[in-house]
N, C-alpha and C. Protein backbone atom coordinates (compact mmCIF):
# COMPACT_ATOMS: atom_id res chain seq x y z
N MET A 1 6.69 -7.75 13.98
CA MET A 1 5.36 -8.23 13.64
C MET A 1 5.15 -8.21 12.14
N ASN A 2 5.87 -9.05 11.44
CA ASN A 2 5.71 -9.12 10.00
C ASN A 2 4.42 -9.82 9.59
N ASP A 3 3.88 -10.68 10.48
CA ASP A 3 2.62 -11.34 10.18
C ASP A 3 1.49 -10.32 10.26
N PRO A 4 0.48 -10.44 9.39
CA PRO A 4 -0.64 -9.50 9.44
C PRO A 4 -1.26 -9.45 10.83
N THR A 5 -1.40 -8.25 11.36
CA THR A 5 -1.85 -8.04 12.73
C THR A 5 -2.88 -6.91 12.77
N VAL A 6 -3.88 -7.05 13.63
CA VAL A 6 -4.81 -5.95 13.91
C VAL A 6 -4.24 -5.19 15.10
N PHE A 7 -3.82 -3.96 14.86
CA PHE A 7 -3.30 -3.10 15.93
C PHE A 7 -4.48 -2.29 16.48
N PHE A 8 -4.84 -2.57 17.72
CA PHE A 8 -6.08 -2.05 18.29
C PHE A 8 -5.75 -1.01 19.36
N VAL A 9 -6.22 0.22 19.14
CA VAL A 9 -5.98 1.33 20.06
C VAL A 9 -7.30 1.73 20.70
N ASP A 10 -7.41 1.58 22.03
CA ASP A 10 -8.63 1.97 22.75
C ASP A 10 -8.26 2.16 24.21
N ASP A 11 -8.73 3.24 24.81
CA ASP A 11 -8.38 3.51 26.21
C ASP A 11 -9.21 2.69 27.19
N ASP A 12 -10.27 2.03 26.73
CA ASP A 12 -11.13 1.22 27.59
C ASP A 12 -10.60 -0.21 27.64
N ALA A 13 -10.08 -0.61 28.80
CA ALA A 13 -9.45 -1.92 28.94
C ALA A 13 -10.44 -3.06 28.68
N ALA A 14 -11.70 -2.88 29.12
CA ALA A 14 -12.69 -3.94 28.93
C ALA A 14 -12.97 -4.16 27.45
N ILE A 15 -13.06 -3.07 26.68
CA ILE A 15 -13.30 -3.19 25.24
C ILE A 15 -12.08 -3.78 24.55
N ARG A 16 -10.89 -3.35 24.97
CA ARG A 16 -9.66 -3.93 24.40
C ARG A 16 -9.63 -5.43 24.58
N ASP A 17 -9.94 -5.87 25.81
CA ASP A 17 -9.90 -7.30 26.11
C ASP A 17 -10.94 -8.06 25.30
N ALA A 18 -12.17 -7.53 25.25
CA ALA A 18 -13.26 -8.24 24.58
C ALA A 18 -13.02 -8.36 23.09
N LEU A 19 -12.66 -7.24 22.46
CA LEU A 19 -12.50 -7.26 21.00
C LEU A 19 -11.23 -7.97 20.58
N SER A 20 -10.17 -7.84 21.36
CA SER A 20 -8.93 -8.54 21.00
C SER A 20 -9.14 -10.06 21.11
N LEU A 21 -9.95 -10.49 22.09
CA LEU A 21 -10.27 -11.91 22.21
C LEU A 21 -11.09 -12.37 21.01
N LEU A 22 -12.10 -11.58 20.63
CA LEU A 22 -12.92 -11.92 19.47
C LEU A 22 -12.05 -12.03 18.21
N ILE A 23 -11.20 -11.05 18.00
CA ILE A 23 -10.35 -11.03 16.80
C ILE A 23 -9.42 -12.25 16.79
N SER A 24 -8.86 -12.57 17.95
CA SER A 24 -7.97 -13.73 18.04
C SER A 24 -8.71 -15.03 17.75
N LEU A 25 -9.95 -15.14 18.27
CA LEU A 25 -10.74 -16.35 18.05
C LEU A 25 -11.11 -16.52 16.58
N LYS A 26 -11.11 -15.42 15.84
CA LYS A 26 -11.40 -15.47 14.41
C LYS A 26 -10.15 -15.70 13.57
N GLY A 27 -9.02 -15.97 14.25
CA GLY A 27 -7.81 -16.36 13.55
C GLY A 27 -6.89 -15.23 13.14
N MET A 28 -7.10 -14.05 13.70
CA MET A 28 -6.22 -12.92 13.37
C MET A 28 -5.37 -12.55 14.58
N ARG A 29 -4.13 -12.16 14.31
CA ARG A 29 -3.25 -11.69 15.37
C ARG A 29 -3.69 -10.31 15.83
N THR A 30 -3.49 -10.01 17.12
CA THR A 30 -3.81 -8.68 17.63
C THR A 30 -2.65 -8.15 18.47
N ALA A 31 -2.57 -6.83 18.49
CA ALA A 31 -1.65 -6.14 19.40
C ALA A 31 -2.43 -4.93 19.92
N VAL A 32 -2.53 -4.77 21.25
CA VAL A 32 -3.39 -3.74 21.82
C VAL A 32 -2.56 -2.61 22.42
N PHE A 33 -3.15 -1.41 22.36
CA PHE A 33 -2.50 -0.22 22.88
C PHE A 33 -3.55 0.62 23.61
N ALA A 34 -3.17 1.17 24.76
CA ALA A 34 -4.11 1.94 25.57
C ALA A 34 -4.24 3.38 25.10
N SER A 35 -3.36 3.81 24.20
CA SER A 35 -3.43 5.19 23.71
C SER A 35 -2.79 5.30 22.34
N ALA A 36 -3.15 6.36 21.64
CA ALA A 36 -2.54 6.62 20.33
C ALA A 36 -1.05 6.88 20.49
N GLU A 37 -0.69 7.56 21.58
CA GLU A 37 0.72 7.86 21.81
C GLU A 37 1.53 6.57 21.98
N ASP A 38 0.96 5.59 22.68
CA ASP A 38 1.66 4.30 22.86
C ASP A 38 1.88 3.62 21.51
N PHE A 39 0.85 3.66 20.65
CA PHE A 39 0.99 3.04 19.34
C PHE A 39 2.09 3.71 18.53
N LEU A 40 2.07 5.04 18.47
CA LEU A 40 3.05 5.77 17.65
C LEU A 40 4.47 5.58 18.18
N SER A 41 4.63 5.52 19.49
CA SER A 41 5.99 5.37 20.05
C SER A 41 6.53 3.96 19.84
N THR A 42 5.63 2.99 19.61
CA THR A 42 6.04 1.60 19.44
C THR A 42 6.14 1.20 17.97
N TYR A 43 5.48 1.94 17.10
CA TYR A 43 5.33 1.55 15.69
C TYR A 43 6.67 1.26 15.01
N CYS A 44 6.68 0.20 14.19
CA CYS A 44 7.84 -0.14 13.35
C CYS A 44 7.39 -0.19 11.89
N ALA A 45 8.26 0.22 11.01
CA ALA A 45 7.90 0.35 9.60
C ALA A 45 7.57 -0.98 8.94
N ASP A 46 8.01 -2.09 9.52
CA ASP A 46 7.74 -3.39 8.89
C ASP A 46 6.44 -4.02 9.37
N TRP A 47 5.66 -3.31 10.18
CA TRP A 47 4.39 -3.86 10.63
C TRP A 47 3.44 -4.00 9.46
N ARG A 48 2.68 -5.09 9.45
CA ARG A 48 1.70 -5.37 8.41
C ARG A 48 0.35 -5.67 9.05
N GLY A 49 -0.72 -5.30 8.35
CA GLY A 49 -2.06 -5.58 8.84
C GLY A 49 -2.94 -4.36 8.74
N CYS A 50 -3.57 -3.96 9.85
CA CYS A 50 -4.42 -2.79 9.84
C CYS A 50 -4.49 -2.20 11.24
N LEU A 51 -4.99 -0.98 11.32
CA LEU A 51 -5.14 -0.29 12.60
C LEU A 51 -6.62 -0.12 12.89
N LEU A 52 -7.06 -0.59 14.06
CA LEU A 52 -8.41 -0.38 14.56
C LEU A 52 -8.30 0.59 15.72
N THR A 53 -8.88 1.77 15.59
CA THR A 53 -8.70 2.78 16.63
C THR A 53 -10.02 3.37 17.10
N ASP A 54 -10.09 3.59 18.41
CA ASP A 54 -11.23 4.31 18.97
C ASP A 54 -11.11 5.78 18.55
N LEU A 55 -12.24 6.47 18.61
CA LEU A 55 -12.26 7.88 18.20
C LEU A 55 -11.98 8.81 19.37
N LYS A 56 -12.75 8.65 20.44
CA LYS A 56 -12.63 9.54 21.61
C LYS A 56 -11.75 8.88 22.66
N MET A 57 -10.58 9.47 22.89
CA MET A 57 -9.64 8.95 23.88
C MET A 57 -8.97 10.11 24.59
N PRO A 58 -8.51 9.89 25.82
CA PRO A 58 -7.71 10.93 26.48
C PRO A 58 -6.44 11.19 25.68
N GLY A 59 -5.96 12.41 25.69
CA GLY A 59 -4.76 12.72 24.93
C GLY A 59 -5.06 12.77 23.44
N MET A 60 -4.21 12.15 22.64
CA MET A 60 -4.41 12.14 21.19
C MET A 60 -5.64 11.31 20.84
N GLN A 61 -6.57 11.90 20.10
CA GLN A 61 -7.79 11.19 19.72
C GLN A 61 -7.64 10.55 18.35
N GLY A 62 -8.69 9.83 17.95
CA GLY A 62 -8.61 9.02 16.73
C GLY A 62 -8.30 9.81 15.48
N LEU A 63 -8.96 10.96 15.30
CA LEU A 63 -8.72 11.76 14.10
C LEU A 63 -7.31 12.35 14.12
N GLU A 64 -6.82 12.71 15.30
CA GLU A 64 -5.45 13.21 15.41
C GLU A 64 -4.45 12.10 15.09
N LEU A 65 -4.77 10.89 15.51
CA LEU A 65 -3.90 9.75 15.19
C LEU A 65 -3.86 9.54 13.68
N GLN A 66 -5.01 9.66 13.03
CA GLN A 66 -5.03 9.53 11.57
C GLN A 66 -4.11 10.56 10.91
N ARG A 67 -4.21 11.81 11.37
CA ARG A 67 -3.36 12.86 10.79
C ARG A 67 -1.88 12.56 11.03
N ALA A 68 -1.57 12.03 12.21
CA ALA A 68 -0.18 11.69 12.52
C ALA A 68 0.32 10.58 11.60
N LEU A 69 -0.56 9.62 11.27
CA LEU A 69 -0.17 8.55 10.37
C LEU A 69 0.17 9.11 8.99
N VAL A 70 -0.66 10.04 8.51
CA VAL A 70 -0.40 10.66 7.19
C VAL A 70 0.92 11.41 7.22
N GLU A 71 1.15 12.18 8.27
CA GLU A 71 2.38 12.97 8.38
C GLU A 71 3.62 12.08 8.40
N ARG A 72 3.51 10.91 8.99
CA ARG A 72 4.64 9.99 9.11
C ARG A 72 4.68 8.96 7.98
N ASN A 73 3.77 9.10 7.02
CA ASN A 73 3.69 8.18 5.88
C ASN A 73 3.50 6.73 6.34
N ILE A 74 2.71 6.54 7.39
CA ILE A 74 2.34 5.20 7.84
C ILE A 74 1.09 4.80 7.09
N GLN A 75 1.16 3.74 6.30
CA GLN A 75 0.10 3.42 5.37
C GLN A 75 -0.76 2.23 5.78
N LEU A 76 -0.78 1.90 7.05
CA LEU A 76 -1.67 0.85 7.51
C LEU A 76 -3.13 1.27 7.25
N PRO A 77 -3.96 0.39 6.68
CA PRO A 77 -5.38 0.72 6.56
C PRO A 77 -5.97 0.98 7.94
N VAL A 78 -6.82 2.00 8.03
CA VAL A 78 -7.37 2.42 9.33
C VAL A 78 -8.87 2.17 9.37
N VAL A 79 -9.33 1.53 10.45
CA VAL A 79 -10.75 1.36 10.73
C VAL A 79 -11.04 2.10 12.03
N VAL A 80 -11.99 3.03 11.99
CA VAL A 80 -12.33 3.83 13.17
C VAL A 80 -13.53 3.22 13.85
N LEU A 81 -13.42 3.07 15.17
CA LEU A 81 -14.49 2.48 15.99
C LEU A 81 -14.87 3.49 17.06
N THR A 82 -16.17 3.82 17.18
CA THR A 82 -16.55 4.85 18.14
C THR A 82 -17.98 4.71 18.62
N ALA A 83 -18.22 5.24 19.80
CA ALA A 83 -19.59 5.34 20.32
C ALA A 83 -20.13 6.74 20.10
N HIS A 84 -19.36 7.59 19.46
CA HIS A 84 -19.72 9.01 19.33
C HIS A 84 -19.71 9.43 17.87
N GLY A 85 -20.31 8.64 17.00
CA GLY A 85 -20.27 8.95 15.58
C GLY A 85 -21.27 10.02 15.18
N ASP A 86 -20.89 10.84 14.22
CA ASP A 86 -21.81 11.77 13.59
C ASP A 86 -21.34 11.96 12.15
N VAL A 87 -22.17 12.59 11.34
CA VAL A 87 -21.88 12.71 9.91
C VAL A 87 -20.58 13.46 9.68
N ALA A 88 -20.38 14.57 10.38
CA ALA A 88 -19.18 15.39 10.16
C ALA A 88 -17.92 14.63 10.53
N THR A 89 -17.97 13.93 11.67
CA THR A 89 -16.80 13.16 12.10
C THR A 89 -16.51 12.02 11.15
N THR A 90 -17.57 11.35 10.71
CA THR A 90 -17.40 10.26 9.75
C THR A 90 -16.76 10.77 8.48
N ARG A 91 -17.25 11.91 7.98
CA ARG A 91 -16.71 12.48 6.75
C ARG A 91 -15.23 12.82 6.92
N THR A 92 -14.88 13.39 8.08
CA THR A 92 -13.48 13.75 8.33
C THR A 92 -12.60 12.51 8.39
N ALA A 93 -13.08 11.48 9.06
CA ALA A 93 -12.30 10.24 9.17
C ALA A 93 -12.06 9.63 7.80
N LEU A 94 -13.09 9.59 6.98
CA LEU A 94 -12.95 9.00 5.64
C LEU A 94 -12.05 9.88 4.76
N LYS A 95 -12.19 11.20 4.90
CA LYS A 95 -11.34 12.13 4.13
C LYS A 95 -9.87 11.94 4.51
N ASN A 96 -9.62 11.62 5.78
CA ASN A 96 -8.25 11.41 6.24
C ASN A 96 -7.71 10.04 5.86
N GLY A 97 -8.54 9.24 5.17
CA GLY A 97 -8.04 7.97 4.67
C GLY A 97 -8.55 6.74 5.38
N ALA A 98 -9.51 6.90 6.32
CA ALA A 98 -10.04 5.72 7.00
C ALA A 98 -10.72 4.80 6.00
N LEU A 99 -10.50 3.52 6.17
CA LEU A 99 -11.12 2.53 5.28
C LEU A 99 -12.59 2.35 5.62
N ASP A 100 -12.90 2.40 6.92
CA ASP A 100 -14.29 2.23 7.34
C ASP A 100 -14.48 2.92 8.69
N PHE A 101 -15.76 3.16 9.05
CA PHE A 101 -16.11 3.86 10.27
C PHE A 101 -17.26 3.09 10.91
N LEU A 102 -17.00 2.46 12.07
CA LEU A 102 -17.98 1.59 12.72
C LEU A 102 -18.40 2.16 14.07
N GLU A 103 -19.69 2.08 14.37
CA GLU A 103 -20.20 2.58 15.64
C GLU A 103 -20.37 1.47 16.65
N LYS A 104 -20.01 1.76 17.89
CA LYS A 104 -20.21 0.83 18.99
C LYS A 104 -21.69 0.88 19.41
N PRO A 105 -22.27 -0.24 19.83
CA PRO A 105 -21.69 -1.59 19.78
C PRO A 105 -21.70 -2.12 18.36
N VAL A 106 -20.58 -2.67 17.93
CA VAL A 106 -20.45 -3.13 16.55
C VAL A 106 -20.81 -4.61 16.46
N ASP A 107 -21.46 -4.98 15.39
CA ASP A 107 -21.76 -6.39 15.15
C ASP A 107 -20.46 -7.15 14.93
N ASP A 108 -20.32 -8.28 15.61
CA ASP A 108 -19.06 -9.05 15.55
C ASP A 108 -18.71 -9.43 14.12
N ASP A 109 -19.70 -9.93 13.39
CA ASP A 109 -19.42 -10.40 12.03
C ASP A 109 -19.02 -9.24 11.12
N VAL A 110 -19.67 -8.09 11.30
CA VAL A 110 -19.32 -6.91 10.50
C VAL A 110 -17.90 -6.48 10.79
N LEU A 111 -17.54 -6.43 12.07
CA LEU A 111 -16.19 -6.04 12.45
C LEU A 111 -15.15 -6.98 11.85
N VAL A 112 -15.38 -8.26 11.97
CA VAL A 112 -14.43 -9.25 11.46
C VAL A 112 -14.29 -9.12 9.94
N ASP A 113 -15.41 -8.95 9.24
CA ASP A 113 -15.35 -8.80 7.78
C ASP A 113 -14.55 -7.56 7.39
N VAL A 114 -14.80 -6.45 8.09
CA VAL A 114 -14.09 -5.20 7.79
C VAL A 114 -12.59 -5.35 8.04
N LEU A 115 -12.23 -5.99 9.14
CA LEU A 115 -10.81 -6.16 9.46
C LEU A 115 -10.11 -7.09 8.47
N ARG A 116 -10.78 -8.16 8.10
CA ARG A 116 -10.18 -9.06 7.11
C ARG A 116 -9.98 -8.35 5.77
N ASN A 117 -10.95 -7.53 5.39
CA ASN A 117 -10.81 -6.76 4.16
C ASN A 117 -9.66 -5.77 4.26
N ALA A 118 -9.51 -5.13 5.41
CA ALA A 118 -8.41 -4.18 5.61
C ALA A 118 -7.05 -4.87 5.50
N ILE A 119 -6.95 -6.06 6.09
CA ILE A 119 -5.70 -6.82 6.00
C ILE A 119 -5.42 -7.23 4.57
N ARG A 120 -6.47 -7.62 3.85
CA ARG A 120 -6.30 -7.99 2.43
C ARG A 120 -5.80 -6.80 1.62
N ILE A 121 -6.36 -5.63 1.87
CA ILE A 121 -5.94 -4.42 1.15
C ILE A 121 -4.47 -4.13 1.46
N ASP A 122 -4.07 -4.27 2.72
CA ASP A 122 -2.68 -4.03 3.09
C ASP A 122 -1.75 -5.01 2.39
N GLU A 123 -2.15 -6.29 2.32
CA GLU A 123 -1.33 -7.30 1.65
C GLU A 123 -1.19 -6.97 0.16
N GLU A 124 -2.29 -6.57 -0.47
CA GLU A 124 -2.24 -6.23 -1.90
C GLU A 124 -1.34 -5.02 -2.13
N ARG A 125 -1.42 -4.05 -1.24
CA ARG A 125 -0.60 -2.84 -1.36
C ARG A 125 0.88 -3.18 -1.28
N HIS A 126 1.23 -4.08 -0.34
CA HIS A 126 2.64 -4.42 -0.18
C HIS A 126 3.14 -5.31 -1.32
N ARG A 127 2.27 -6.17 -1.85
CA ARG A 127 2.67 -6.96 -3.01
C ARG A 127 2.94 -6.05 -4.20
N ALA A 128 2.08 -5.06 -4.39
CA ALA A 128 2.27 -4.12 -5.50
C ALA A 128 3.55 -3.31 -5.31
N ALA A 129 3.81 -2.89 -4.08
CA ALA A 129 5.03 -2.12 -3.80
C ALA A 129 6.27 -2.97 -4.03
N ALA A 130 6.21 -4.25 -3.62
CA ALA A 130 7.36 -5.14 -3.83
C ALA A 130 7.60 -5.38 -5.31
N ALA A 131 6.51 -5.57 -6.06
CA ALA A 131 6.64 -5.78 -7.51
C ALA A 131 7.22 -4.53 -8.18
N HIS A 132 6.78 -3.37 -7.73
CA HIS A 132 7.30 -2.12 -8.30
C HIS A 132 8.78 -1.96 -8.01
N ALA A 133 9.17 -2.27 -6.77
CA ALA A 133 10.58 -2.16 -6.39
C ALA A 133 11.44 -3.12 -7.21
N GLU A 134 10.90 -4.32 -7.46
CA GLU A 134 11.64 -5.31 -8.26
C GLU A 134 11.79 -4.82 -9.71
N THR A 135 10.73 -4.21 -10.23
CA THR A 135 10.80 -3.66 -11.60
C THR A 135 11.84 -2.55 -11.68
N LEU A 136 11.87 -1.67 -10.69
CA LEU A 136 12.85 -0.59 -10.68
C LEU A 136 14.27 -1.14 -10.62
N GLU A 137 14.44 -2.22 -9.85
CA GLU A 137 15.77 -2.85 -9.75
C GLU A 137 16.20 -3.40 -11.12
N ARG A 138 15.26 -4.01 -11.83
CA ARG A 138 15.59 -4.53 -13.15
C ARG A 138 15.86 -3.40 -14.14
N LEU A 139 15.09 -2.34 -14.03
CA LEU A 139 15.31 -1.19 -14.93
C LEU A 139 16.70 -0.59 -14.73
N ALA A 140 17.18 -0.63 -13.49
CA ALA A 140 18.50 -0.07 -13.20
C ALA A 140 19.61 -0.84 -13.89
N ARG A 141 19.33 -2.08 -14.31
CA ARG A 141 20.35 -2.89 -14.98
C ARG A 141 20.50 -2.51 -16.46
N LEU A 142 19.53 -1.77 -16.99
CA LEU A 142 19.57 -1.44 -18.41
C LEU A 142 20.62 -0.37 -18.69
N THR A 143 21.26 -0.51 -19.85
CA THR A 143 22.17 0.53 -20.30
C THR A 143 21.35 1.73 -20.78
N PRO A 144 21.94 2.91 -20.90
CA PRO A 144 21.20 4.07 -21.41
C PRO A 144 20.55 3.80 -22.78
N ARG A 145 21.23 3.07 -23.64
CA ARG A 145 20.67 2.78 -24.96
C ARG A 145 19.48 1.82 -24.86
N GLU A 146 19.57 0.83 -23.96
CA GLU A 146 18.45 -0.09 -23.76
C GLU A 146 17.26 0.65 -23.17
N GLN A 147 17.52 1.60 -22.28
CA GLN A 147 16.44 2.40 -21.71
C GLN A 147 15.77 3.24 -22.79
N ALA A 148 16.56 3.77 -23.70
CA ALA A 148 16.01 4.58 -24.78
C ALA A 148 15.11 3.74 -25.68
N VAL A 149 15.55 2.53 -26.01
CA VAL A 149 14.74 1.62 -26.83
C VAL A 149 13.44 1.28 -26.10
N LEU A 150 13.53 1.02 -24.81
CA LEU A 150 12.34 0.70 -24.01
C LEU A 150 11.33 1.83 -24.07
N GLN A 151 11.77 3.04 -23.85
CA GLN A 151 10.86 4.17 -23.81
C GLN A 151 10.25 4.45 -25.18
N LEU A 152 11.03 4.26 -26.24
CA LEU A 152 10.49 4.50 -27.59
C LEU A 152 9.49 3.40 -27.98
N LEU A 153 9.77 2.17 -27.58
CA LEU A 153 8.79 1.10 -27.80
C LEU A 153 7.49 1.38 -27.04
N ALA A 154 7.65 1.83 -25.79
CA ALA A 154 6.47 2.16 -24.99
C ALA A 154 5.70 3.32 -25.59
N GLY A 155 6.41 4.18 -26.30
CA GLY A 155 5.76 5.31 -26.96
C GLY A 155 5.07 4.94 -28.26
N GLY A 156 5.16 3.67 -28.66
CA GLY A 156 4.45 3.21 -29.84
C GLY A 156 5.24 3.23 -31.12
N LEU A 157 6.55 3.50 -31.07
CA LEU A 157 7.35 3.56 -32.29
C LEU A 157 7.70 2.16 -32.79
N GLN A 158 7.77 2.03 -34.10
CA GLN A 158 8.19 0.78 -34.72
C GLN A 158 9.71 0.71 -34.74
N HIS A 159 10.24 -0.49 -35.02
CA HIS A 159 11.69 -0.68 -35.00
C HIS A 159 12.40 0.27 -35.96
N ARG A 160 11.84 0.43 -37.15
CA ARG A 160 12.49 1.30 -38.13
C ARG A 160 12.50 2.75 -37.64
N ASP A 161 11.41 3.19 -37.01
CA ASP A 161 11.35 4.56 -36.47
C ASP A 161 12.37 4.74 -35.35
N ILE A 162 12.47 3.71 -34.50
CA ILE A 162 13.44 3.78 -33.39
C ILE A 162 14.86 3.85 -33.95
N ALA A 163 15.12 3.05 -34.98
CA ALA A 163 16.46 3.06 -35.59
C ALA A 163 16.80 4.44 -36.13
N GLU A 164 15.85 5.07 -36.79
CA GLU A 164 16.09 6.42 -37.32
C GLU A 164 16.30 7.43 -36.19
N ARG A 165 15.48 7.29 -35.14
CA ARG A 165 15.58 8.23 -34.01
C ARG A 165 16.93 8.11 -33.31
N LEU A 166 17.42 6.88 -33.15
CA LEU A 166 18.67 6.66 -32.43
C LEU A 166 19.89 6.58 -33.35
N LYS A 167 19.60 6.68 -34.68
CA LYS A 167 20.68 6.62 -35.67
C LYS A 167 21.47 5.31 -35.58
N ILE A 168 20.72 4.22 -35.51
CA ILE A 168 21.30 2.88 -35.53
C ILE A 168 20.48 2.04 -36.50
N SER A 169 20.93 0.82 -36.78
CA SER A 169 20.22 -0.03 -37.72
C SER A 169 19.05 -0.74 -37.02
N PRO A 170 18.01 -1.13 -37.79
CA PRO A 170 16.91 -1.91 -37.20
C PRO A 170 17.40 -3.19 -36.53
N ARG A 171 18.43 -3.80 -37.12
CA ARG A 171 18.99 -5.02 -36.52
C ARG A 171 19.56 -4.72 -35.13
N THR A 172 20.22 -3.57 -34.98
CA THR A 172 20.77 -3.19 -33.68
C THR A 172 19.65 -2.92 -32.68
N VAL A 173 18.56 -2.35 -33.16
CA VAL A 173 17.39 -2.15 -32.30
C VAL A 173 16.92 -3.49 -31.76
N GLU A 174 16.87 -4.50 -32.64
CA GLU A 174 16.46 -5.83 -32.22
C GLU A 174 17.37 -6.38 -31.13
N VAL A 175 18.67 -6.15 -31.30
CA VAL A 175 19.63 -6.64 -30.30
C VAL A 175 19.39 -5.97 -28.95
N TYR A 176 19.23 -4.64 -28.97
CA TYR A 176 18.96 -3.92 -27.72
C TYR A 176 17.66 -4.37 -27.09
N LYS A 177 16.65 -4.56 -27.93
CA LYS A 177 15.34 -5.00 -27.43
C LYS A 177 15.46 -6.37 -26.76
N SER A 178 16.19 -7.29 -27.39
CA SER A 178 16.35 -8.62 -26.84
C SER A 178 17.07 -8.59 -25.50
N ARG A 179 18.13 -7.81 -25.41
CA ARG A 179 18.87 -7.69 -24.15
C ARG A 179 17.99 -7.05 -23.07
N MET A 180 17.26 -6.03 -23.47
CA MET A 180 16.40 -5.32 -22.53
C MET A 180 15.32 -6.24 -21.98
N MET A 181 14.70 -7.04 -22.86
CA MET A 181 13.65 -7.95 -22.42
C MET A 181 14.20 -9.03 -21.49
N GLU A 182 15.41 -9.49 -21.78
CA GLU A 182 16.03 -10.50 -20.92
C GLU A 182 16.29 -9.94 -19.52
N LYS A 183 16.79 -8.71 -19.46
CA LYS A 183 17.09 -8.10 -18.16
C LYS A 183 15.82 -7.81 -17.37
N LEU A 184 14.76 -7.41 -18.08
CA LEU A 184 13.49 -7.11 -17.41
C LEU A 184 12.68 -8.36 -17.11
N GLN A 185 13.10 -9.50 -17.69
CA GLN A 185 12.38 -10.76 -17.53
C GLN A 185 10.94 -10.65 -18.01
N VAL A 186 10.79 -10.07 -19.20
CA VAL A 186 9.49 -10.00 -19.84
C VAL A 186 9.56 -10.77 -21.15
N ARG A 187 8.40 -11.23 -21.62
CA ARG A 187 8.38 -12.10 -22.81
C ARG A 187 7.64 -11.50 -23.99
N THR A 188 6.76 -10.55 -23.73
CA THR A 188 5.94 -10.02 -24.81
C THR A 188 6.10 -8.53 -24.95
N LEU A 189 5.73 -8.02 -26.11
CA LEU A 189 5.79 -6.58 -26.35
C LEU A 189 4.83 -5.85 -25.42
N ALA A 190 3.69 -6.48 -25.10
CA ALA A 190 2.73 -5.85 -24.20
C ALA A 190 3.36 -5.59 -22.82
N GLU A 191 4.15 -6.55 -22.34
CA GLU A 191 4.82 -6.37 -21.06
C GLU A 191 5.88 -5.27 -21.15
N VAL A 192 6.57 -5.24 -22.29
CA VAL A 192 7.57 -4.18 -22.50
C VAL A 192 6.90 -2.81 -22.44
N VAL A 193 5.77 -2.69 -23.13
CA VAL A 193 5.05 -1.41 -23.16
C VAL A 193 4.58 -1.03 -21.77
N ARG A 194 4.07 -2.02 -21.00
CA ARG A 194 3.60 -1.72 -19.65
C ARG A 194 4.73 -1.22 -18.76
N VAL A 195 5.86 -1.90 -18.79
CA VAL A 195 7.00 -1.49 -17.97
C VAL A 195 7.53 -0.13 -18.44
N GLY A 196 7.61 0.04 -19.75
CA GLY A 196 8.11 1.29 -20.30
C GLY A 196 7.20 2.46 -20.00
N ALA A 197 5.88 2.23 -20.06
CA ALA A 197 4.93 3.30 -19.75
C ALA A 197 5.07 3.72 -18.30
N GLY A 198 5.26 2.74 -17.41
CA GLY A 198 5.47 3.07 -16.00
C GLY A 198 6.75 3.87 -15.79
N THR A 199 7.78 3.55 -16.55
CA THR A 199 9.04 4.28 -16.47
C THR A 199 8.85 5.72 -16.89
N LEU A 200 8.10 5.94 -17.97
CA LEU A 200 7.85 7.28 -18.46
C LEU A 200 7.06 8.10 -17.45
N LEU A 201 6.06 7.46 -16.81
CA LEU A 201 5.26 8.17 -15.82
C LEU A 201 6.09 8.56 -14.60
N ASN A 202 6.98 7.65 -14.17
CA ASN A 202 7.83 7.93 -13.00
C ASN A 202 8.84 9.01 -13.28
N ALA A 203 9.19 9.17 -14.55
CA ALA A 203 10.19 10.17 -14.92
C ALA A 203 9.61 11.58 -14.95
N ARG A 204 8.27 11.69 -14.96
CA ARG A 204 7.64 13.00 -15.05
C ARG A 204 7.53 13.67 -13.69
């Protein structure tokens, strides 16, 4: 299920049928599960979209499912749906990372808006992760000397200062910088600094 999907967990078959039909009619894919245990046993790491889960269910309940997601590093945005909401439960759900907390009966338009926003957040998260992975792959192509030039440029040093620090000529710094920028596929010093700053943060 690489396409964005609303994964809906609810033990009430009538609610599963009604809401999954509504979600489908609004143009979103759905996959339904009768229990949190069914969802966890079926889950695949390449799933994209969001999780809509009931709070009170037999067996593993909604808050327990949230904790299980954190423990397993499952990062699907979570929307909690319940007929038994209270301030303490809402606070716990949000503290555990829930994107939103909706009470039954939920307004159709509100639910659809929340789910679309959750899917958008998931898409943005995966785009950012893919971009980061691509940057790391490019960084791995740099020689140790090119990496050193990158980090010193990101630290704000001028070419002459970098040359003195590395005991090479300013012209050689230029050569390393040019090769480094080509490998990273960046065109401006601002992009170099951004990539280099990220490298420094990851190294800490």
